[in-house]
Amino acid sequence: MDILNAYFKDSVHHLPGVYTILNSDFRRAPSEKSSLFDTTAELKNHTKIVHFSCKPNGEYGKPWDWPTHDLSLIEDK
């Protein structure tokens, strides 16, 4: 990625880190401090794009690869 950033540095703009985060950042409690905001809930309110890198059980994988029964593990908080 660093090579692409260097190559396109004069023709593209970088999004701040808050725009795109990993879904694992939401594994913390809503009141717990995130790396970018005071709470995970505040991070959720400011995020524009979520990169799915792990399942609810912590294993790596994309949500479209999860068996249907795994979707019951997802809680909307």
PDB file of N, CA and C in Angstrom:
ATOM      1  N   MET A   1       0.815  -1.184   0.000  1.00  0.00           N
ATOM      2  CA  MET A   1       0.000   0.000   0.000  1.00  0.00           C
ATOM      3  C   MET A   1       0.865   1.257   0.000  1.00  0.00           C
ATOM      4  N   ASP A   2       1.965   1.228   0.724  1.00  0.00           N
ATOM      5  CA  ASP A   2       2.849   2.392   0.770  1.00  0.00           C
ATOM      6  C   ASP A   2       3.395   2.735  -0.608  1.00  0.00           C
ATOM      7  N   ILE A   3       3.661   1.713  -1.412  1.00  0.00           N
ATOM      8  CA  ILE A   3       4.162   1.950  -2.773  1.00  0.00           C
ATOM      9  C   ILE A   3       3.101   2.672  -3.595  1.00  0.00           C
ATOM     10  N   LEU A   4       1.841   2.220  -3.491  1.00  0.00           N
ATOM     11  CA  LEU A   4       0.752   2.880  -4.220  1.00  0.00           C
ATOM     12  C   LEU A   4       0.546   4.308  -3.725  1.00  0.00           C
ATOM     13  N   ASN A   5       0.610   4.511  -2.429  1.00  0.00           N
ATOM     14  CA  ASN A   5       0.473   5.864  -1.887  1.00  0.00           C
ATOM     15  C   ASN A   5       1.562   6.780  -2.424  1.00  0.00           C
ATOM     16  N   ALA A   6       2.790   6.297  -2.475  1.00  0.00           N
ATOM     17  CA  ALA A   6       3.893   7.103  -2.995  1.00  0.00           C
ATOM     18  C   ALA A   6       3.717   7.384  -4.486  1.00  0.00           C
ATOM     19  N   TYR A   7       3.291   6.390  -5.240  1.00  0.00           N
ATOM     20  CA  TYR A   7       3.127   6.541  -6.688  1.00  0.00           C
ATOM     21  C   TYR A   7       2.028   7.551  -7.029  1.00  0.00           C
ATOM     22  N   PHE A   8       0.917   7.490  -6.304  1.00  0.00           N
ATOM     23  CA  PHE A   8      -0.229   8.348  -6.610  1.00  0.00           C
ATOM     24  C   PHE A   8      -0.305   9.604  -5.732  1.00  0.00           C
ATOM     25  N   LYS A   9       0.749   9.931  -5.009  1.00  0.00           N
ATOM     26  CA  LYS A   9       0.693  11.019  -4.034  1.00  0.00           C
ATOM     27  C   LYS A   9       0.280  12.362  -4.619  1.00  0.00           C
ATOM     28  N   ASP A  10       0.594  12.620  -5.888  1.00  0.00           N
ATOM     29  CA  ASP A  10       0.249  13.906  -6.489  1.00  0.00           C
ATOM     30  C   ASP A  10      -1.117  13.912  -7.166  1.00  0.00           C
ATOM     31  N   SER A  11      -1.756  12.755  -7.282  1.00  0.00           N
ATOM     32  CA  SER A  11      -3.022  12.707  -8.020  1.00  0.00           C
ATOM     33  C   SER A  11      -4.219  12.259  -7.189  1.00  0.00           C
ATOM     34  N   VAL A  12      -3.997  11.835  -5.963  1.00  0.00           N
ATOM     35  CA  VAL A  12      -5.115  11.413  -5.112  1.00  0.00           C
ATOM     36  C   VAL A  12      -4.960  12.033  -3.723  1.00  0.00           C
ATOM     37  N   HIS A  13      -6.060  12.053  -3.012  1.00  0.00           N
ATOM     38  CA  HIS A  13      -6.048  12.528  -1.631  1.00  0.00           C
ATOM     39  C   HIS A  13      -6.284  11.344  -0.710  1.00  0.00           C
ATOM     40  N   HIS A  14      -5.692  11.389   0.449  1.00  0.00           N
ATOM     41  CA  HIS A  14      -5.864  10.318   1.429  1.00  0.00           C
ATOM     42  C   HIS A  14      -7.029  10.649   2.349  1.00  0.00           C
ATOM     43  N   LEU A  15      -7.817   9.644   2.660  1.00  0.00           N
ATOM     44  CA  LEU A  15      -8.874   9.818   3.644  1.00  0.00           C
ATOM     45  C   LEU A  15      -8.272   9.716   5.038  1.00  0.00           C
ATOM     46  N   PRO A  16      -8.743  10.538   5.964  1.00  0.00           N
ATOM     47  CA  PRO A  16      -8.274  10.389   7.344  1.00  0.00           C
ATOM     48  C   PRO A  16      -8.626   9.003   7.878  1.00  0.00           C
ATOM     49  N   GLY A  17      -7.880   8.528   8.842  1.00  0.00           N
ATOM     50  CA  GLY A  17      -8.080   7.192   9.379  1.00  0.00           C
ATOM     51  C   GLY A  17      -9.461   6.931   9.931  1.00  0.00           C
ATOM     52  N   VAL A  18     -10.169   7.964  10.342  1.00  0.00           N
ATOM     53  CA  VAL A  18     -11.496   7.782  10.920  1.00  0.00           C
ATOM     54  C   VAL A  18     -12.517   7.330   9.874  1.00  0.00           C
ATOM     55  N   TYR A  19     -12.291   7.589   8.611  1.00  0.00           N
ATOM     56  CA  TYR A  19     -13.260   7.216   7.588  1.00  0.00           C
ATOM     57  C   TYR A  19     -13.337   5.713   7.388  1.00  0.00           C
ATOM     58  N   THR A  20     -12.217   5.047   7.455  1.00  0.00           N
ATOM     59  CA  THR A  20     -12.178   3.605   7.230  1.00  0.00           C
ATOM     60  C   THR A  20     -11.526   2.932   8.428  1.00  0.00           C
ATOM     61  N   ILE A  21     -12.260   2.019   9.047  1.00  0.00           N
ATOM     62  CA  ILE A  21     -11.721   1.290  10.194  1.00  0.00           C
ATOM     63  C   ILE A  21     -12.003  -0.197  10.016  1.00  0.00           C
ATOM     64  N   LEU A  22     -11.378  -1.007  10.836  1.00  0.00           N
ATOM     65  CA  LEU A  22     -11.628  -2.447  10.829  1.00  0.00           C
ATOM     66  C   LEU A  22     -12.830  -2.758  11.711  1.00  0.00           C
ATOM     67  N   ASN A  23     -13.601  -3.756  11.323  1.00  0.00           N
ATOM     68  CA  ASN A  23     -14.756  -4.115  12.155  1.00  0.00           C
ATOM     69  C   ASN A  23     -14.323  -4.604  13.538  1.00  0.00           C
ATOM     70  N   SER A  24     -13.099  -5.056  13.677  1.00  0.00           N
ATOM     71  CA  SER A  24     -12.621  -5.499  14.992  1.00  0.00           C
ATOM     72  C   SER A  24     -12.543  -4.337  15.984  1.00  0.00           C
ATOM     73  N   ASP A  25     -12.512  -3.082  15.487  1.00  0.00           N
ATOM     74  CA  ASP A  25     -12.516  -1.930  16.385  1.00  0.00           C
ATOM     75  C   ASP A  25     -13.811  -1.835  17.180  1.00  0.00           C
ATOM     76  N   PHE A  26     -14.866  -2.487  16.701  1.00  0.00           N
ATOM     77  CA  PHE A  26     -16.148  -2.460  17.398  1.00  0.00           C
ATOM     78  C   PHE A  26     -16.313  -3.615  18.380  1.00  0.00           C
ATOM     79  N   ARG A  27     -15.276  -4.389  18.597  1.00  0.00           N
ATOM     80  CA  ARG A  27     -15.352  -5.503  19.552  1.00  0.00           C
ATOM     81  C   ARG A  27     -15.235  -5.000  20.989  1.00  0.00           C
ATOM     82  N   ARG A  28     -14.879  -3.744  21.158  1.00  0.00           N
ATOM     83  CA  ARG A  28     -14.779  -3.155  22.495  1.00  0.00           C
ATOM     84  C   ARG A  28     -16.169  -2.752  22.997  1.00  0.00           C
ATOM     85  N   ALA A  29     -16.284  -2.549  24.292  1.00  0.00           N
ATOM     86  CA  ALA A  29     -17.534  -2.042  24.876  1.00  0.00           C
ATOM     87  C   ALA A  29     -17.787  -0.625  24.362  1.00  0.00           C
ATOM     88  N   PRO A  30     -19.059  -0.212  24.191  1.00  0.00           N
ATOM     89  CA  PRO A  30     -19.361   1.129  23.671  1.00  0.00           C
ATOM     90  C   PRO A  30     -18.738   2.263  24.480  1.00  0.00           C
ATOM     91  N   SER A  31     -18.534   2.055  25.777  1.00  0.00           N
ATOM     92  CA  SER A  31     -17.959   3.108  26.618  1.00  0.00           C
ATOM     93  C   SER A  31     -16.432   3.066  26.672  1.00  0.00           C
ATOM     94  N   GLU A  32     -15.832   2.033  26.092  1.00  0.00           N
ATOM     95  CA  GLU A  32     -14.371   1.889  26.121  1.00  0.00           C
ATOM     96  C   GLU A  32     -13.723   2.841  25.126  1.00  0.00           C
ATOM     97  N   LYS A  33     -12.550   3.354  25.461  1.00  0.00           N
ATOM     98  CA  LYS A  33     -11.832   4.289  24.594  1.00  0.00           C
ATOM     99  C   LYS A  33     -11.372   3.584  23.325  1.00  0.00           C
ATOM    100  N   SER A  34     -11.556   4.264  22.195  1.00  0.00           N
ATOM    101  CA  SER A  34     -11.054   3.743  20.922  1.00  0.00           C
ATOM    102  C   SER A  34      -9.733   4.437  20.613  1.00  0.00           C
ATOM    103  N   SER A  35      -9.085   4.024  19.537  1.00  0.00           N
ATOM    104  CA  SER A  35      -7.804   4.627  19.178  1.00  0.00           C
ATOM    105  C   SER A  35      -7.967   6.050  18.648  1.00  0.00           C
ATOM    106  N   LEU A  36      -9.155   6.397  18.152  1.00  0.00           N
ATOM    107  CA  LEU A  36      -9.368   7.708  17.546  1.00  0.00           C
ATOM    108  C   LEU A  36     -10.315   8.616  18.326  1.00  0.00           C
ATOM    109  N   PHE A  37     -11.177   8.031  19.164  1.00  0.00           N
ATOM    110  CA  PHE A  37     -12.176   8.812  19.892  1.00  0.00           C
ATOM    111  C   PHE A  37     -12.201   8.404  21.357  1.00  0.00           C
ATOM    112  N   ASP A  38     -12.959   9.165  22.138  1.00  0.00           N
ATOM    113  CA  ASP A  38     -13.048   8.887  23.575  1.00  0.00           C
ATOM    114  C   ASP A  38     -13.792   7.596  23.876  1.00  0.00           C
ATOM    115  N   THR A  39     -14.737   7.213  23.012  1.00  0.00           N
ATOM    116  CA  THR A  39     -15.484   5.975  23.221  1.00  0.00           C
ATOM    117  C   THR A  39     -15.684   5.254  21.894  1.00  0.00           C
ATOM    118  N   THR A  40     -15.955   3.968  21.974  1.00  0.00           N
ATOM    119  CA  THR A  40     -16.257   3.186  20.779  1.00  0.00           C
ATOM    120  C   THR A  40     -17.568   3.660  20.161  1.00  0.00           C
ATOM    121  N   ALA A  41     -18.522   4.083  20.990  1.00  0.00           N
ATOM    122  CA  ALA A  41     -19.795   4.599  20.476  1.00  0.00           C
ATOM    123  C   ALA A  41     -19.567   5.846  19.629  1.00  0.00           C
ATOM    124  N   GLU A  42     -18.671   6.721  20.056  1.00  0.00           N
ATOM    125  CA  GLU A  42     -18.349   7.922  19.282  1.00  0.00           C
ATOM    126  C   GLU A  42     -17.669   7.539  17.965  1.00  0.00           C
ATOM    127  N   LEU A  43     -16.800   6.551  18.007  1.00  0.00           N
ATOM    128  CA  LEU A  43     -16.159   6.056  16.787  1.00  0.00           C
ATOM    129  C   LEU A  43     -17.217   5.571  15.798  1.00  0.00           C
ATOM    130  N   LYS A  44     -18.190   4.815  16.292  1.00  0.00           N
ATOM    131  CA  LYS A  44     -19.265   4.296  15.436  1.00  0.00           C
ATOM    132  C   LYS A  44     -20.020   5.433  14.755  1.00  0.00           C
ATOM    133  N   ASN A  45     -20.265   6.514  15.466  1.00  0.00           N
ATOM    134  CA  ASN A  45     -21.012   7.642  14.912  1.00  0.00           C
ATOM    135  C   ASN A  45     -20.244   8.408  13.842  1.00  0.00           C
ATOM    136  N   HIS A  46     -18.919   8.326  13.831  1.00  0.00           N
ATOM    137  CA  HIS A  46     -18.112   9.085  12.881  1.00  0.00           C
ATOM    138  C   HIS A  46     -17.565   8.257  11.723  1.00  0.00           C
ATOM    139  N   THR A  47     -17.672   6.956  11.792  1.00  0.00           N
ATOM    140  CA  THR A  47     -17.105   6.081  10.767  1.00  0.00           C
ATOM    141  C   THR A  47     -17.956   6.085   9.508  1.00  0.00           C
ATOM    142  N   LYS A  48     -17.310   6.121   8.364  1.00  0.00           N
ATOM    143  CA  LYS A  48     -18.007   6.105   7.075  1.00  0.00           C
ATOM    144  C   LYS A  48     -17.895   4.750   6.378  1.00  0.00           C
ATOM    145  N   ILE A  49     -16.750   4.069   6.523  1.00  0.00           N
ATOM    146  CA  ILE A  49     -16.500   2.794   5.845  1.00  0.00           C
ATOM    147  C   ILE A  49     -15.942   1.801   6.857  1.00  0.00           C
ATOM    148  N   VAL A  50     -16.505   0.598   6.871  1.00  0.00           N
ATOM    149  CA  VAL A  50     -16.001  -0.463   7.749  1.00  0.00           C
ATOM    150  C   VAL A  50     -15.397  -1.554   6.877  1.00  0.00           C
ATOM    151  N   HIS A  51     -14.125  -1.861   7.126  1.00  0.00           N
ATOM    152  CA  HIS A  51     -13.449  -2.961   6.430  1.00  0.00           C
ATOM    153  C   HIS A  51     -13.646  -4.216   7.278  1.00  0.00           C
ATOM    154  N   PHE A  52     -14.349  -5.192   6.731  1.00  0.00           N
ATOM    155  CA  PHE A  52     -14.620  -6.420   7.470  1.00  0.00           C
ATOM    156  C   PHE A  52     -13.420  -7.351   7.388  1.00  0.00           C
ATOM    157  N   SER A  53     -12.801  -7.581   8.547  1.00  0.00           N
ATOM    158  CA  SER A  53     -11.611  -8.423   8.585  1.00  0.00           C
ATOM    159  C   SER A  53     -11.750  -9.597   9.541  1.00  0.00           C
ATOM    160  N   CYS A  54     -12.758  -9.581  10.409  1.00  0.00           N
ATOM    161  CA  CYS A  54     -12.900 -10.698  11.344  1.00  0.00           C
ATOM    162  C   CYS A  54     -14.365 -10.997  11.630  1.00  0.00           C
ATOM    163  N   LYS A  55     -14.583 -12.228  12.051  1.00  0.00           N
ATOM    164  CA  LYS A  55     -15.915 -12.694  12.429  1.00  0.00           C
ATOM    165  C   LYS A  55     -16.190 -12.303  13.881  1.00  0.00           C
ATOM    166  N   PRO A  56     -17.437 -12.402  14.336  1.00  0.00           N
ATOM    167  CA  PRO A  56     -17.732 -12.074  15.740  1.00  0.00           C
ATOM    168  C   PRO A  56     -16.929 -12.896  16.751  1.00  0.00           C
ATOM    169  N   ASN A  57     -16.500 -14.102  16.361  1.00  0.00           N
ATOM    170  CA  ASN A  57     -15.730 -14.937  17.294  1.00  0.00           C
ATOM    171  C   ASN A  57     -14.232 -14.630  17.260  1.00  0.00           C
ATOM    172  N   GLY A  58     -13.805 -13.642  16.472  1.00  0.00           N
ATOM    173  CA  GLY A  58     -12.413 -13.236  16.423  1.00  0.00           C
ATOM    174  C   GLY A  58     -11.607 -13.848  15.299  1.00  0.00           C
ATOM    175  N   GLU A  59     -12.137 -14.876  14.640  1.00  0.00           N
ATOM    176  CA  GLU A  59     -11.443 -15.459  13.493  1.00  0.00           C
ATOM    177  C   GLU A  59     -11.529 -14.500  12.313  1.00  0.00           C
ATOM    178  N   TYR A  60     -10.584 -14.623  11.393  1.00  0.00           N
ATOM    179  CA  TYR A  60     -10.613 -13.771  10.211  1.00  0.00           C
ATOM    180  C   TYR A  60     -11.567 -14.330   9.174  1.00  0.00           C
ATOM    181  N   GLY A  61     -12.228 -13.452   8.470  1.00  0.00           N
ATOM    182  CA  GLY A  61     -13.152 -13.862   7.426  1.00  0.00           C
ATOM    183  C   GLY A  61     -14.119 -12.748   7.082  1.00  0.00           C
ATOM    184  N   LYS A  62     -14.668 -12.796   5.911  1.00  0.00           N
ATOM    185  CA  LYS A  62     -15.614 -11.794   5.435  1.00  0.00           C
ATOM    186  C   LYS A  62     -17.036 -12.214   5.794  1.00  0.00           C
ATOM    187  N   PRO A  63     -17.930 -11.249   6.044  1.00  0.00           N
ATOM    188  CA  PRO A  63     -19.288 -11.614   6.463  1.00  0.00           C
ATOM    189  C   PRO A  63     -20.042 -12.426   5.425  1.00  0.00           C
ATOM    190  N   TRP A  64     -19.745 -12.244   4.157  1.00  0.00           N
ATOM    191  CA  TRP A  64     -20.450 -13.008   3.128  1.00  0.00           C
ATOM    192  C   TRP A  64     -19.976 -14.458   3.065  1.00  0.00           C
ATOM    193  N   ASP A  65     -18.918 -14.793   3.798  1.00  0.00           N
ATOM    194  CA  ASP A  65     -18.448 -16.177   3.879  1.00  0.00           C
ATOM    195  C   ASP A  65     -18.979 -16.909   5.113  1.00  0.00           C
ATOM    196  N   TRP A  66     -19.699 -16.216   5.994  1.00  0.00           N
ATOM    197  CA  TRP A  66     -20.171 -16.827   7.233  1.00  0.00           C
ATOM    198  C   TRP A  66     -21.346 -17.751   6.953  1.00  0.00           C
ATOM    199  N   PRO A  67     -21.375 -18.894   7.596  1.00  0.00           N
ATOM    200  CA  PRO A  67     -22.584 -19.727   7.524  1.00  0.00           C
ATOM    201  C   PRO A  67     -23.757 -18.964   8.153  1.00  0.00           C
ATOM    202  N   THR A  68     -24.951 -19.236   7.709  1.00  0.00           N
ATOM    203  CA  THR A  68     -26.133 -18.515   8.182  1.00  0.00           C
ATOM    204  C   THR A  68     -26.268 -18.545   9.699  1.00  0.00           C
ATOM    205  N   HIS A  69     -25.953 -19.668  10.331  1.00  0.00           N
ATOM    206  CA  HIS A  69     -26.104 -19.742  11.790  1.00  0.00           C
ATOM    207  C   HIS A  69     -25.153 -18.796  12.521  1.00  0.00           C
ATOM    208  N   ASP A  70     -24.015 -18.412  11.898  1.00  0.00           N
ATOM    209  CA  ASP A  70     -23.081 -17.479  12.528  1.00  0.00           C
ATOM    210  C   ASP A  70     -23.648 -16.067  12.603  1.00  0.00           C
ATOM    211  N   LEU A  71     -24.569 -15.720  11.711  1.00  0.00           N
ATOM    212  CA  LEU A  71     -25.120 -14.374  11.709  1.00  0.00           C
ATOM    213  C   LEU A  71     -25.902 -14.078  12.980  1.00  0.00           C
ATOM    214  N   SER A  72     -26.357 -15.111  13.670  1.00  0.00           N
ATOM    215  CA  SER A  72     -27.091 -14.902  14.915  1.00  0.00           C
ATOM    216  C   SER A  72     -26.184 -14.367  16.021  1.00  0.00           C
ATOM    217  N   LEU A  73     -24.867 -14.428  15.835  1.00  0.00           N
ATOM    218  CA  LEU A  73     -23.929 -13.927  16.837  1.00  0.00           C
ATOM    219  C   LEU A  73     -23.801 -12.408  16.804  1.00  0.00           C
ATOM    220  N   ILE A  74     -24.245 -11.794  15.723  1.00  0.00           N
ATOM    221  CA  ILE A  74     -24.086 -10.354  15.561  1.00  0.00           C
ATOM    222  C   ILE A  74     -25.153  -9.632  16.374  1.00  0.00           C
ATOM    223  N   GLU A  75     -24.696  -8.682  17.170  1.00  0.00           N
ATOM    224  CA  GLU A  75     -25.621  -7.878  17.956  1.00  0.00           C
ATOM    225  C   GLU A  75     -25.483  -6.435  17.518  1.00  0.00           C
ATOM    226  N   ASP A  76     -26.587  -5.748  17.332  1.00  0.00           N
ATOM    227  CA  ASP A  76     -26.564  -4.332  16.969  1.00  0.00           C
ATOM    228  C   ASP A  76     -26.575  -3.503  18.241  1.00  0.00           C
ATOM    229  N   LYS A  77     -25.402  -2.974  18.586  1.00  0.00           N
ATOM    230  CA  LYS A  77     -25.296  -2.162  19.808  1.00  0.00           C
ATOM    231  C   LYS A  77     -24.831  -0.781  19.456  1.00  0.00           C
TER     232      LYS A  77
END
